Amino acid sequence: MSALAVAGLVAGALMGGCWLVSLIKRDVSIVDPLWPMVFVAVAWSVWLWGDGAGSGRDGLMLVMVSAWGLRLGGHLTARKWGEPEDFRYQSLRRRLPPFWLWSLLVVFILQALLAVVVSLPVQEVLGDPSPSPLGWLDWIGAAVWAVGFGFEAVSDEQLRRFKADPANRGQVMDRGLWRYSRHPNYFGDCVVWWGIYLAAAAAGAWWTIAGPLVMTVLLLRVSGVALLERSIGKRRPGYAEYAARTSAFIPMPPRRAPR
């Protein structure tokens, strides 16, 4: 069985099981904490399905994917715990009856397919029966990954602490990394996957660039920045002023307000 087939089976099984649980709970947003964990499961499953001998690059890839997925999965689980279904899925529920069927198609099956595509660099490295030694591009990839991981972890924690303070209710988070980007967590997520891709490119799998490209499009145009930008201004007074001076994605010095 190929690494692609293993990834498809693992992603499909996890998303299918999550769909069944969502029917019982009437809450599709439980898929969000599962999303990063699917990549961890795919990585380890592909590696274990292979010869299991391992290499330096295998170890590097497993560490990068596992650290990213476990941290993000834990963060999203803690954030989701005790909360109702996310407004995005409530909107879909109203617009797409019968939602039990549509949720399977447009949420769970779609996310399983996307996870398989995004994880192509991971599959190629961990499914390689004859891996080459680590090289300079692997270490560049690890450094890029570390920058992205740091950005995502720090910005998530900064936002968590901001929201935990009742004095900040309804206010705009414009401190720390959020002073330089309106979505530093999504920026960090994007950079993580470009770092992972560089390790795959070091193994000769340049074509797996489809993975980070799809993740970048998702974060910028689909479920990340674009989706939040359409609604957050209505929920946060002062967001328009914040947006006028702050980069949407790539961290940059704040713009000066016009005089």
Protein backbone atom coordinates (compact mmCIF):
# COMPACT_ATOMS: atom_id res chain seq x y z
CA MET A 1 0.00 0.00 0.00
CA SER A 2 1.32 3.43 -0.92
CA ALA A 3 1.87 6.27 1.53
CA LEU A 4 -0.92 8.17 -0.24
CA ALA A 5 -3.35 5.31 0.34
CA VAL A 6 -2.38 5.06 4.02
CA ALA A 7 -2.90 8.80 4.43
CA GLY A 8 -6.29 8.61 2.74
CA LEU A 9 -7.46 5.72 4.92
CA VAL A 10 -6.31 7.37 8.15
CA ALA A 11 -7.76 10.79 7.32
CA GLY A 12 -11.01 9.26 6.10
CA ALA A 13 -11.42 7.06 9.17
CA LEU A 14 -10.79 9.91 11.62
CA MET A 15 -13.05 12.35 9.82
CA GLY A 16 -15.75 9.71 9.38
CA GLY A 17 -15.70 8.92 13.08
CA CYS A 18 -15.80 12.61 13.93
CA TRP A 19 -18.83 13.04 11.67
CA LEU A 20 -20.71 10.34 13.58
CA VAL A 21 -19.89 12.02 16.89
CA SER A 22 -21.00 15.40 15.47
CA LEU A 23 -24.42 13.92 14.69
CA ILE A 24 -24.83 12.85 18.30
CA LYS A 25 -23.58 16.15 19.72
CA ARG A 26 -25.19 18.30 17.01
CA ASP A 27 -21.91 20.19 16.83
CA VAL A 28 -19.81 20.10 13.67
CA SER A 29 -17.15 22.42 15.07
CA ILE A 30 -15.62 19.49 16.96
CA VAL A 31 -13.81 18.94 13.66
CA ASP A 32 -11.55 21.94 14.31
CA PRO A 33 -9.47 20.39 17.15
CA LEU A 34 -9.29 17.15 15.15
CA TRP A 35 -7.84 18.81 12.01
CA PRO A 36 -4.21 19.15 13.25
CA MET A 37 -4.35 15.74 14.91
CA VAL A 38 -5.15 14.12 11.55
CA PHE A 39 -1.71 15.19 10.32
CA VAL A 40 -0.04 13.65 13.36
CA ALA A 41 -1.92 10.40 12.78
CA VAL A 42 -1.05 10.42 9.06
CA ALA A 43 2.64 11.02 9.77
CA TRP A 44 3.01 8.20 12.27
CA SER A 45 0.84 5.81 10.28
CA VAL A 46 2.85 6.31 7.10
CA TRP A 47 6.10 5.88 9.01
CA LEU A 48 4.94 2.74 10.80
CA TRP A 49 3.55 1.28 7.59
CA GLY A 50 6.98 1.58 6.03
CA ASP A 51 10.03 -0.34 7.09
CA GLY A 52 10.20 1.61 10.34
CA ALA A 53 13.96 1.84 10.14
CA GLY A 54 13.89 5.59 10.25
CA SER A 55 16.42 8.20 9.26
CA GLY A 56 17.47 11.61 10.41
CA ARG A 57 14.94 13.20 8.07
CA ASP A 58 12.20 10.86 9.30
CA GLY A 59 12.90 11.90 12.86
CA LEU A 60 12.94 15.56 11.94
CA MET A 61 9.64 15.28 10.08
CA LEU A 62 7.93 13.36 12.88
CA VAL A 63 9.07 15.95 15.43
CA MET A 64 7.92 18.89 13.32
CA VAL A 65 4.49 17.47 12.50
CA SER A 66 3.87 16.06 15.98
CA ALA A 67 4.90 19.21 17.85
CA TRP A 68 2.78 21.39 15.58
CA GLY A 69 -0.27 19.11 15.62
CA LEU A 70 -0.26 18.28 19.33
CA ARG A 71 0.16 21.92 20.38
CA LEU A 72 -2.49 23.24 18.02
CA GLY A 73 -4.86 20.36 18.74
CA GLY A 74 -4.53 20.93 22.48
CA HIS A 75 -5.02 24.67 22.09
CA LEU A 76 -8.15 24.26 19.96
CA THR A 77 -9.56 21.60 22.29
CA ALA A 78 -9.16 23.88 25.31
CA ARG A 79 -10.72 26.77 23.40
CA LYS A 80 -13.63 24.66 22.19
CA TRP A 81 -14.36 22.95 25.52
CA GLY A 82 -17.85 23.83 26.77
CA GLU A 83 -18.56 26.20 23.88
CA PRO A 84 -21.51 25.89 21.47
CA GLU A 85 -21.15 25.13 17.77
CA ASP A 86 -19.04 27.70 15.95
CA PHE A 87 -20.98 30.41 14.06
CA ARG A 88 -19.49 29.25 10.73
CA TYR A 89 -21.10 25.85 11.04
CA GLN A 90 -24.33 27.27 12.44
CA SER A 91 -24.60 29.31 9.25
CA LEU A 92 -24.00 26.22 7.12
CA ARG A 93 -26.56 24.30 9.15
CA ARG A 94 -29.23 26.89 8.30
CA ARG A 95 -28.30 27.08 4.62
CA LEU A 96 -27.77 23.40 3.78
CA PRO A 97 -30.58 21.10 4.83
CA PRO A 98 -30.44 18.15 5.39
CA PHE A 99 -27.31 19.14 7.23
CA TRP A 100 -26.44 15.64 8.46
CA LEU A 101 -25.65 14.75 4.84
CA TRP A 102 -24.17 18.05 3.72
CA SER A 103 -21.87 18.19 6.74
CA LEU A 104 -20.42 14.82 5.73
CA LEU A 105 -19.72 16.09 2.21
CA VAL A 106 -18.67 19.72 2.63
CA VAL A 107 -17.00 19.52 6.04
CA PHE A 108 -15.67 16.07 6.88
CA ILE A 109 -14.96 14.47 3.50
CA LEU A 110 -13.62 17.75 2.14
CA GLN A 111 -11.30 18.22 5.12
CA ALA A 112 -10.09 14.63 4.83
CA LEU A 113 -9.18 15.23 1.18
CA LEU A 114 -7.49 18.53 2.00
CA ALA A 115 -5.47 16.88 4.78
CA VAL A 116 -4.24 14.25 2.32
CA VAL A 117 -3.12 16.94 -0.14
CA VAL A 118 -1.53 19.22 2.47
CA SER A 119 0.36 16.30 4.00
CA LEU A 120 1.97 15.26 0.71
CA PRO A 121 5.44 16.47 1.84
CA VAL A 122 5.06 14.41 5.03
CA GLN A 123 3.98 11.32 3.11
CA GLU A 124 6.87 11.53 0.67
CA VAL A 125 9.52 11.81 3.38
CA LEU A 126 8.14 9.19 5.76
CA GLY A 127 7.17 6.81 2.98
CA ASP A 128 10.56 6.93 1.26
CA PRO A 129 12.10 3.42 1.40
CA SER A 130 15.61 4.73 0.76
CA PRO A 131 16.00 8.12 2.48
CA SER A 132 19.04 10.27 1.83
CA PRO A 133 21.09 11.87 4.65
CA LEU A 134 20.11 15.19 6.16
CA GLY A 135 21.46 18.20 4.29
CA TRP A 136 21.57 21.97 4.51
CA LEU A 137 18.05 22.36 3.07
CA ASP A 138 16.63 20.19 5.84
CA TRP A 139 18.10 22.51 8.46
CA ILE A 140 16.79 25.58 6.65
CA GLY A 141 13.39 23.92 6.64
CA ALA A 142 13.67 23.21 10.36
CA ALA A 143 14.61 26.84 11.02
CA VAL A 144 11.66 28.10 8.94
CA TRP A 145 9.38 25.67 10.79
CA ALA A 146 10.67 26.93 14.15
CA VAL A 147 9.91 30.55 13.23
CA GLY A 148 6.38 29.61 12.20
CA PHE A 149 5.82 27.42 15.25
CA GLY A 150 6.99 30.22 17.53
CA PHE A 151 4.76 32.79 15.85
CA GLU A 152 1.71 30.56 16.07
CA ALA A 153 2.28 29.42 19.65
CA VAL A 154 3.11 32.88 21.03
CA SER A 155 0.26 34.66 19.24
CA ASP A 156 -2.26 32.01 20.34
CA GLU A 157 -1.15 32.38 23.95
CA GLN A 158 -1.23 36.18 23.75
CA LEU A 159 -4.80 36.05 22.42
CA ARG A 160 -5.85 33.51 25.04
CA ARG A 161 -4.63 35.73 27.86
CA PHE A 162 -6.26 38.78 26.29
CA LYS A 163 -9.64 37.05 26.07
CA ALA A 164 -9.33 35.68 29.60
CA ASP A 165 -9.31 39.23 31.01
CA PRO A 166 -12.92 40.43 31.45
CA ALA A 167 -11.74 44.02 30.98
CA ASN A 168 -10.97 43.22 27.33
CA ARG A 169 -14.44 41.93 26.44
CA GLY A 170 -15.48 43.27 23.05
CA GLN A 171 -12.11 44.95 22.51
CA VAL A 172 -9.62 44.52 19.67
CA MET A 173 -6.43 42.60 20.39
CA ASP A 174 -3.64 44.88 19.14
CA ARG A 175 -0.78 43.94 21.45
CA GLY A 176 2.27 41.74 21.13
CA LEU A 177 2.51 40.03 17.75
CA TRP A 178 -1.03 41.21 17.00
CA ARG A 179 0.34 44.74 16.72
CA TYR A 180 2.20 43.71 13.55
CA SER A 181 -0.32 41.34 11.95
CA ARG A 182 -4.07 40.95 12.29
CA HIS A 183 -3.63 37.18 12.02
CA PRO A 184 -0.13 36.24 13.28
CA ASN A 185 -1.34 32.75 14.26
CA TYR A 186 -2.38 32.01 10.67
CA PHE A 187 0.89 33.46 9.41
CA GLY A 188 2.79 31.13 11.74
CA ASP A 189 0.70 28.16 10.60
CA CYS A 190 1.53 28.95 6.99
CA VAL A 191 5.26 29.25 7.68
CA VAL A 192 5.25 25.92 9.53
CA TRP A 193 4.07 24.12 6.41
CA TRP A 194 6.58 25.82 4.16
CA GLY A 195 9.31 24.66 6.54
CA ILE A 196 7.96 21.10 6.37
CA TYR A 197 7.93 21.35 2.59
CA LEU A 198 11.60 22.33 2.48
CA ALA A 199 12.49 19.08 4.25
CA ALA A 200 10.54 17.19 1.58
CA ALA A 201 12.27 19.20 -1.15
CA ALA A 202 15.60 18.20 0.39
CA ALA A 203 14.55 14.59 -0.22
CA GLY A 204 13.87 15.41 -3.87
CA ALA A 205 10.09 15.71 -3.55
CA TRP A 206 9.85 19.19 -5.03
CA TRP A 207 6.47 18.41 -6.56
CA THR A 208 4.84 18.22 -3.11
CA ILE A 209 4.71 22.03 -3.17
CA ALA A 210 0.98 21.47 -3.69
CA GLY A 211 0.78 20.84 0.07
CA PRO A 212 1.95 24.22 1.41
CA LEU A 213 0.26 26.03 -1.48
CA VAL A 214 -3.12 24.54 -0.57
CA MET A 215 -2.57 25.34 3.12
CA THR A 216 -1.67 28.93 2.22
CA VAL A 217 -4.82 29.33 0.13
CA LEU A 218 -6.95 27.86 2.92
CA LEU A 219 -5.50 30.22 5.51
CA LEU A 220 -5.71 33.31 3.32
CA ARG A 221 -8.79 32.81 1.18
CA VAL A 222 -11.05 30.13 2.63
CA SER A 223 -11.30 29.26 6.33
CA GLY A 224 -8.80 31.68 7.80
CA VAL A 225 -8.18 35.36 7.17
CA ALA A 226 -10.91 35.99 4.60
CA LEU A 227 -13.65 34.31 6.66
CA LEU A 228 -12.81 36.15 9.86
CA GLU A 229 -12.38 39.50 8.15
CA ARG A 230 -15.96 39.29 6.81
CA SER A 231 -17.46 39.08 10.29
CA ILE A 232 -15.05 40.34 12.93
CA GLY A 233 -15.61 44.01 12.13
CA LYS A 234 -19.26 43.65 13.14
CA ARG A 235 -18.30 42.02 16.45
CA ARG A 236 -15.37 44.25 17.44
CA PRO A 237 -15.79 48.03 17.69
CA GLY A 238 -12.65 49.77 16.50
CA TYR A 239 -11.60 46.93 14.22
CA ALA A 240 -11.71 49.16 11.14
CA GLU A 241 -9.12 51.49 12.68
CA TYR A 242 -6.99 48.52 13.70
CA ALA A 243 -7.20 47.09 10.18
CA ALA A 244 -6.21 50.43 8.66
CA ARG A 245 -2.87 50.44 10.49
CA THR A 246 -2.10 46.71 10.73
CA SER A 247 -1.00 44.24 8.08
CA ALA A 248 -3.57 41.52 7.42
CA PHE A 249 -1.13 38.60 7.32
CA ILE A 250 2.62 39.14 7.00
CA PRO A 251 3.92 40.91 10.14
CA MET A 252 4.97 44.48 9.37
CA PRO A 253 5.44 47.70 11.36
CA PRO A 254 2.08 49.41 11.95
CA ARG A 255 1.14 52.10 9.45
CA ARG A 256 0.83 55.65 10.69
CA ALA A 257 -2.67 57.02 10.85
CA PRO A 258 -3.32 59.74 8.22
CA ARG A 259 -3.29 63.26 9.59
